[in-house]
């Protein structure tokens, strides 16, 4: 059985994520941490009649206890994007939060699989990698940025226009996890979907900016918390299955060093020398077993989108590295 910690469990994503993980088979222990409001959230969730135990921890002084003996750490802590908030606004707050939390993970459970929800993901995952390297416990196979929501939106939005069963439809999504770094490969959808170029362009636009759609609909009262919690729970469930011995396919924003040979294809298609990219992966007990090759060549529209994504990602990744280089370790 598997012990999972949710860091940021009292937040807008953390609460529904914790609820869904309480329902997830294979989890024996659920450790919930946040800086406020944990007793009520954890007690509420603990009444659900599944077999996993629920523990809660509140505040910085209890963070190491929350992480002790953990197999999978899911980090959803940080502020959510609000209307008018720029990517840099989000980064300036969440970068320091992720940095401090990853330091605690490195000190307490350095062999845990780490799945990051906290945005801007294109920068927070490189920050996490930098911290782990500084703590001499970096394993690129064990670090993931959860991009599952992009795949979920892709299958749902195609269903909205073509009436296909969204649960049976799979659309590979590569690149990153914001705006034009999100590249849905609609030409490789299975089962195959016939789309005109206009339909494809409209779908790509909606998938890339689905988060904006939710922020606007909530009218300043939040962002995509519920769908992100579902996506986070799905990815975490895949990790739980993998730790239990299954080999599971997912997509995630990962260090390409997790499988240098498997990364050759996406580098050739436009990722070039980037250290991080969202790709399909096969998960196992130790994390990323391999980067799964794409079944076909992307079409011209998709190749152009990968090129655009790579240029933006280069800056996003560099922003995370620059932040770490200009800040001394906290501990």
Protein backbone atom coordinates (compact mmCIF):
# COMPACT_ATOMS: atom_id res chain seq x y z
CA UNK A 1 0.00 0.00 0.00
CA UNK A 2 1.05 3.58 -0.64
CA UNK A 3 1.41 6.69 1.56
CA UNK A 4 0.48 9.96 -0.15
CA UNK A 5 0.96 13.52 1.13
CA UNK A 6 -1.05 16.45 -0.20
CA UNK A 7 0.76 19.71 0.49
CA UNK A 8 -1.71 22.58 0.28
CA UNK A 9 -4.63 20.34 1.22
CA UNK A 10 -6.88 23.11 2.55
CA UNK A 11 -6.80 25.13 -0.66
CA UNK A 12 -9.20 25.41 -3.56
CA UNK A 13 -7.53 22.53 -5.38
CA UNK A 14 -6.25 20.74 -2.28
CA UNK A 15 -9.65 20.06 -0.69
CA UNK A 16 -11.34 18.34 -3.66
CA UNK A 17 -8.04 16.64 -4.52
CA UNK A 18 -7.81 15.22 -1.01
CA UNK A 19 -11.42 14.07 -1.21
CA UNK A 20 -10.79 12.25 -4.49
CA UNK A 21 -7.62 10.65 -3.14
CA UNK A 22 -9.57 9.37 -0.11
CA UNK A 23 -11.63 7.45 -2.68
CA UNK A 24 -8.58 6.15 -4.56
CA UNK A 25 -7.80 2.42 -4.20
CA UNK A 26 -4.24 1.57 -3.23
CA UNK A 27 -3.67 4.50 -0.87
CA UNK A 28 -3.22 3.28 2.71
CA UNK A 29 -2.26 6.59 4.33
CA UNK A 30 -3.28 10.12 3.38
CA UNK A 31 -1.19 12.87 5.00
CA UNK A 32 -2.78 16.32 4.63
CA UNK A 33 -0.78 19.50 5.21
CA UNK A 34 -1.45 23.21 4.98
CA UNK A 35 -0.69 26.36 6.95
CA UNK A 36 -4.35 26.88 8.00
CA UNK A 37 -7.75 25.15 8.28
CA UNK A 38 -6.47 21.58 8.29
CA UNK A 39 -8.30 20.11 11.32
CA UNK A 40 -11.76 20.67 9.86
CA UNK A 41 -10.89 19.56 6.33
CA UNK A 42 -9.08 16.43 7.46
CA UNK A 43 -11.71 15.44 10.02
CA UNK A 44 -14.44 15.83 7.42
CA UNK A 45 -12.58 13.69 4.87
CA UNK A 46 -11.65 11.10 7.49
CA UNK A 47 -15.32 10.14 7.92
CA UNK A 48 -15.49 8.71 4.38
CA UNK A 49 -15.75 4.92 4.58
CA UNK A 50 -12.70 3.90 2.62
CA UNK A 51 -9.81 2.12 4.30
CA UNK A 52 -7.06 4.74 4.06
CA UNK A 53 -6.06 6.55 7.24
CA UNK A 54 -6.12 10.35 7.31
CA UNK A 55 -3.63 12.51 9.22
CA UNK A 56 -3.38 16.29 9.28
CA UNK A 57 -0.52 18.68 9.98
CA UNK A 58 -0.65 22.46 10.30
CA UNK A 59 2.13 25.00 9.87
CA UNK A 60 5.81 25.01 9.01
CA UNK A 61 6.84 23.29 12.23
CA UNK A 62 4.80 20.20 11.29
CA UNK A 63 5.82 19.95 7.63
CA UNK A 64 8.55 17.35 8.19
CA UNK A 65 6.10 15.17 10.14
CA UNK A 66 3.63 15.39 7.27
CA UNK A 67 6.31 14.10 4.88
CA UNK A 68 7.82 11.33 7.00
CA UNK A 69 7.44 7.89 5.41
CA UNK A 70 5.70 9.24 2.30
CA UNK A 71 5.91 7.53 -1.12
CA UNK A 72 4.19 10.21 -3.23
CA UNK A 73 4.13 13.96 -2.57
CA UNK A 74 1.53 16.06 -4.38
CA UNK A 75 2.14 19.81 -4.12
CA UNK A 76 -0.86 22.05 -4.75
CA UNK A 77 0.14 24.85 -2.35
CA UNK A 78 0.35 28.43 -3.59
CA UNK A 79 -1.96 31.14 -4.85
CA UNK A 80 -4.35 30.63 -7.74
CA UNK A 81 -4.47 32.90 -10.77
CA UNK A 82 -7.00 35.71 -10.61
CA UNK A 83 -8.30 38.07 -13.30
CA UNK A 84 -5.67 40.61 -14.28
CA UNK A 85 -2.87 38.61 -12.68
CA UNK A 86 0.13 38.18 -14.95
CA UNK A 87 2.29 35.10 -15.10
CA UNK A 88 5.07 37.06 -13.38
CA UNK A 89 2.71 38.02 -10.55
CA UNK A 90 1.95 34.34 -10.00
CA UNK A 91 5.59 33.35 -10.28
CA UNK A 92 6.82 35.90 -7.73
CA UNK A 93 4.58 34.36 -5.05
CA UNK A 94 4.61 30.66 -5.86
CA UNK A 95 8.31 30.26 -6.67
CA UNK A 96 9.34 30.73 -3.05
CA UNK A 97 6.57 28.43 -1.81
CA UNK A 98 7.62 25.57 -4.08
CA UNK A 99 11.27 26.10 -3.26
CA UNK A 100 10.68 25.83 0.48
CA UNK A 101 8.41 22.78 0.17
CA UNK A 102 10.83 20.89 -2.08
CA UNK A 103 13.65 21.57 0.40
CA UNK A 104 11.51 19.87 3.06
CA UNK A 105 10.82 16.92 0.74
CA UNK A 106 14.54 16.57 0.03
CA UNK A 107 15.33 16.58 3.75
CA UNK A 108 12.56 14.20 4.85
CA UNK A 109 11.55 11.86 2.00
CA UNK A 110 14.18 12.27 -0.73
CA UNK A 111 13.12 9.10 -2.58
CA UNK A 112 9.46 10.07 -2.88
CA UNK A 113 7.81 10.63 -6.25
CA UNK A 114 7.03 14.35 -6.50
CA UNK A 115 4.02 15.60 -8.48
CA UNK A 116 3.62 19.36 -8.77
CA UNK A 117 0.34 21.16 -9.42
CA UNK A 118 1.46 24.65 -8.39
CA UNK A 119 1.63 27.13 -11.26
CA UNK A 120 3.38 28.46 -13.24
CA UNK A 121 4.31 24.82 -13.78
CA UNK A 122 6.76 25.59 -16.59
CA UNK A 123 8.92 27.35 -13.99
CA UNK A 124 8.09 25.61 -10.70
CA UNK A 125 9.21 22.18 -11.94
CA UNK A 126 12.67 23.52 -12.92
CA UNK A 127 12.86 25.20 -9.49
CA UNK A 128 12.12 21.85 -7.85
CA UNK A 129 14.82 20.15 -9.92
CA UNK A 130 17.35 22.82 -8.94
CA UNK A 131 16.57 22.41 -5.22
CA UNK A 132 16.85 18.61 -5.41
CA UNK A 133 20.21 18.92 -7.19
CA UNK A 134 21.47 21.26 -4.47
CA UNK A 135 20.42 18.66 -1.88
CA UNK A 136 22.18 15.86 -3.80
CA UNK A 137 19.00 13.82 -4.17
CA UNK A 138 17.85 14.68 -7.69
CA UNK A 139 16.44 11.82 -9.74
CA UNK A 140 14.78 13.08 -12.94
CA UNK A 141 12.63 9.94 -13.06
CA UNK A 142 10.87 10.96 -9.83
CA UNK A 143 9.80 14.53 -10.68
CA UNK A 144 6.57 15.41 -12.50
CA UNK A 145 4.57 18.49 -13.39
CA UNK A 146 0.92 17.48 -13.65
CA UNK A 147 -0.38 18.49 -17.09
CA UNK A 148 -3.23 15.97 -17.09
CA UNK A 149 -5.85 18.73 -17.23
CA UNK A 150 -4.70 19.62 -20.76
CA UNK A 151 -5.38 16.05 -21.92
CA UNK A 152 -8.73 16.02 -20.13
CA UNK A 153 -9.79 19.28 -21.75
CA UNK A 154 -8.66 18.05 -25.16
CA UNK A 155 -10.82 14.93 -25.02
CA UNK A 156 -13.79 16.80 -23.54
CA UNK A 157 -13.69 19.67 -26.02
CA UNK A 158 -13.44 17.30 -28.99
CA UNK A 159 -16.44 15.49 -27.55
CA UNK A 160 -18.34 18.81 -27.38
CA UNK A 161 -17.97 19.30 -31.14
CA UNK A 162 -18.01 15.71 -32.42
CA UNK A 163 -20.07 13.71 -29.93
CA UNK A 164 -17.37 11.10 -29.27
CA UNK A 165 -17.19 9.34 -25.89
CA UNK A 166 -14.77 11.60 -24.00
CA UNK A 167 -13.74 8.79 -21.65
CA UNK A 168 -12.60 6.65 -24.58
CA UNK A 169 -10.87 9.43 -26.53
CA UNK A 170 -7.15 10.04 -26.06
CA UNK A 171 -5.39 13.14 -27.42
CA UNK A 172 -1.62 13.37 -26.85
CA UNK A 173 -0.60 16.78 -25.47
CA UNK A 174 3.02 17.90 -25.44
CA UNK A 175 4.96 21.07 -24.61
CA UNK A 176 4.18 22.88 -21.37
CA UNK A 177 1.23 23.88 -19.21
CA UNK A 178 0.24 27.43 -20.07
CA UNK A 179 -1.14 29.20 -23.11
CA UNK A 180 0.78 28.60 -26.31
CA UNK A 181 3.11 26.07 -24.66
CA UNK A 182 0.19 23.58 -24.62
CA UNK A 183 0.27 21.59 -27.88
CA UNK A 184 -2.60 19.11 -28.36
CA UNK A 185 -1.75 16.67 -31.15
CA UNK A 186 -5.28 16.30 -32.49
CA UNK A 187 -4.07 14.53 -35.62
CA UNK A 188 -3.00 11.62 -33.37
CA UNK A 189 -6.27 11.31 -31.46
CA UNK A 190 -7.42 7.75 -30.83
CA UNK A 191 -9.93 6.88 -32.04
CA UNK A 192 -9.17 9.08 -35.03
CA UNK A 193 -11.23 12.25 -35.40
CA UNK A 194 -11.73 13.99 -38.73
CA UNK A 195 -11.18 17.72 -38.28
CA UNK A 196 -10.94 20.58 -40.74
CA UNK A 197 -8.06 22.99 -40.28
CA UNK A 198 -10.51 25.60 -38.89
CA UNK A 199 -11.93 23.08 -36.40
CA UNK A 200 -8.42 22.10 -35.36
CA UNK A 201 -7.33 25.72 -34.89
CA UNK A 202 -10.44 26.52 -32.82
CA UNK A 203 -9.98 23.46 -30.63
CA UNK A 204 -6.29 24.18 -30.04
CA UNK A 205 -7.15 27.74 -29.01
CA UNK A 206 -9.81 26.55 -26.56
CA UNK A 207 -7.56 23.84 -25.06
CA UNK A 208 -4.66 26.26 -24.66
CA UNK A 209 -6.77 28.90 -22.94
CA UNK A 210 -9.31 26.71 -21.14
CA UNK A 211 -8.08 28.10 -17.83
CA UNK A 212 -9.03 31.62 -18.90
CA UNK A 213 -12.53 30.33 -19.72
CA UNK A 214 -12.96 29.17 -16.12
CA UNK A 215 -11.46 32.31 -14.55
CA UNK A 216 -13.86 34.45 -16.60
CA UNK A 217 -16.87 32.27 -15.77
CA UNK A 218 -16.08 32.44 -12.03
CA UNK A 219 -16.00 36.23 -12.35
CA UNK A 220 -13.02 36.82 -10.12
CA UNK A 221 -13.99 34.21 -7.55
CA UNK A 222 -11.46 31.55 -8.51
CA UNK A 223 -9.75 29.51 -11.19
CA UNK A 224 -9.95 25.91 -12.43
CA UNK A 225 -9.89 24.23 -9.03
CA UNK A 226 -12.35 21.36 -9.45
CA UNK A 227 -11.20 20.15 -12.87
CA UNK A 228 -7.58 20.53 -11.75
CA UNK A 229 -8.30 18.49 -8.64
CA UNK A 230 -9.78 15.75 -10.83
CA UNK A 231 -6.73 15.87 -13.10
CA UNK A 232 -4.37 15.77 -10.11
CA UNK A 233 -6.22 12.82 -8.61
CA UNK A 234 -6.10 10.93 -11.91
CA UNK A 235 -2.36 11.42 -12.24
CA UNK A 236 -1.75 10.56 -8.59
CA UNK A 237 -3.86 7.42 -9.00
CA UNK A 238 -1.59 6.44 -11.90
CA UNK A 239 1.45 6.95 -9.66
CA UNK A 240 -0.16 4.83 -6.93
CA UNK A 241 -0.80 2.04 -9.43
CA UNK A 242 2.79 2.31 -10.68
CA UNK A 243 4.25 2.15 -7.16
CA UNK A 244 2.09 -0.93 -6.66
CA UNK A 245 3.74 -2.66 -9.60
CA UNK A 246 1.60 -1.69 -12.60
CA UNK A 247 2.98 0.00 -15.69
CA UNK A 248 0.77 2.98 -16.49
CA UNK A 249 0.72 5.48 -19.35
CA UNK A 250 0.29 9.20 -18.63
CA UNK A 251 1.54 12.54 -19.90
CA UNK A 252 3.47 15.00 -17.73
CA UNK A 253 5.92 17.89 -17.78
CA UNK A 254 9.13 16.06 -16.94
CA UNK A 255 12.90 16.40 -17.10
CA UNK A 256 13.89 14.90 -20.45
CA UNK A 257 16.91 13.46 -18.63
CA UNK A 258 14.46 10.90 -17.22
CA UNK A 259 14.89 9.03 -20.52
CA UNK A 260 17.58 10.61 -22.71
CA UNK A 261 17.17 8.06 -25.49
CA UNK A 262 13.38 8.32 -25.46
CA UNK A 263 13.67 12.12 -25.65
CA UNK A 264 15.35 12.02 -29.07
CA UNK A 265 12.05 12.11 -30.97
CA UNK A 266 10.54 15.14 -29.20
CA UNK A 267 13.88 16.96 -29.41
CA UNK A 268 13.93 16.34 -33.17
CA UNK A 269 10.35 17.61 -33.46
CA UNK A 270 11.18 20.92 -31.80
CA UNK A 271 12.05 20.56 -28.11
CA UNK A 272 15.70 20.83 -29.14
CA UNK A 273 17.98 21.31 -26.10
CA UNK A 274 15.24 22.06 -23.55
CA UNK A 275 15.65 20.26 -20.23
CA UNK A 276 11.91 19.96 -19.57
CA UNK A 277 8.96 19.14 -21.82
CA UNK A 278 5.52 17.59 -21.48
CA UNK A 279 5.55 14.18 -23.15
CA UNK A 280 3.73 10.84 -22.91
CA UNK A 281 5.47 8.63 -20.34
CA UNK A 282 5.25 5.13 -18.96
CA UNK A 283 5.26 5.00 -15.17
CA UNK A 284 6.64 2.24 -12.97
CA UNK A 285 7.71 1.72 -9.36
CA UNK A 286 10.69 4.06 -9.71
CA UNK A 287 8.84 6.81 -11.57
CA UNK A 288 9.31 7.43 -15.28
CA UNK A 289 10.28 4.17 -16.97
CA UNK A 290 10.47 5.69 -20.43
CA UNK A 291 9.25 8.48 -22.67
CA UNK A 292 6.68 6.91 -24.98
CA UNK A 293 7.26 7.66 -28.67
CA UNK A 294 4.50 9.35 -30.64
CA UNK A 295 2.71 7.03 -33.05
CA UNK A 296 3.07 9.36 -36.05
CA UNK A 297 4.60 12.60 -37.23
CA UNK A 298 2.73 15.76 -36.20
CA UNK A 299 1.13 17.72 -39.03
CA UNK A 300 2.46 21.12 -40.11
CA UNK A 301 0.14 23.06 -37.80
CA UNK A 302 1.30 20.96 -34.83
CA UNK A 303 4.99 21.25 -35.73
CA UNK A 304 4.64 25.03 -35.84
CA UNK A 305 2.89 24.94 -32.45
CA UNK A 306 5.71 22.84 -30.96
CA UNK A 307 8.24 25.37 -32.21
CA UNK A 308 6.30 28.26 -30.66
CA UNK A 309 5.92 26.32 -27.40
CA UNK A 310 9.64 25.58 -27.24
CA UNK A 311 10.56 29.26 -27.56
CA UNK A 312 8.20 30.24 -24.74
CA UNK A 313 9.28 27.31 -22.58
CA UNK A 314 12.91 28.29 -22.94
CA UNK A 315 12.11 31.61 -21.23
CA UNK A 316 9.84 30.00 -18.61
CA UNK A 317 12.47 27.44 -17.61
CA UNK A 318 15.17 30.10 -17.57
CA UNK A 319 13.02 32.21 -15.23
CA UNK A 320 12.90 29.37 -12.71
CA UNK A 321 16.64 28.73 -12.92
CA UNK A 322 17.44 32.43 -12.66
CA UNK A 323 15.30 32.68 -9.53
CA UNK A 324 17.23 29.85 -7.91
CA UNK A 325 20.60 31.19 -8.95
CA UNK A 326 19.79 34.56 -7.37
CA UNK A 327 18.48 33.15 -4.09
CA UNK A 328 20.55 31.38 -1.48
CA UNK A 329 19.15 28.15 0.02
CA UNK A 330 16.69 28.73 2.85
CA UNK A 331 18.25 26.06 5.08
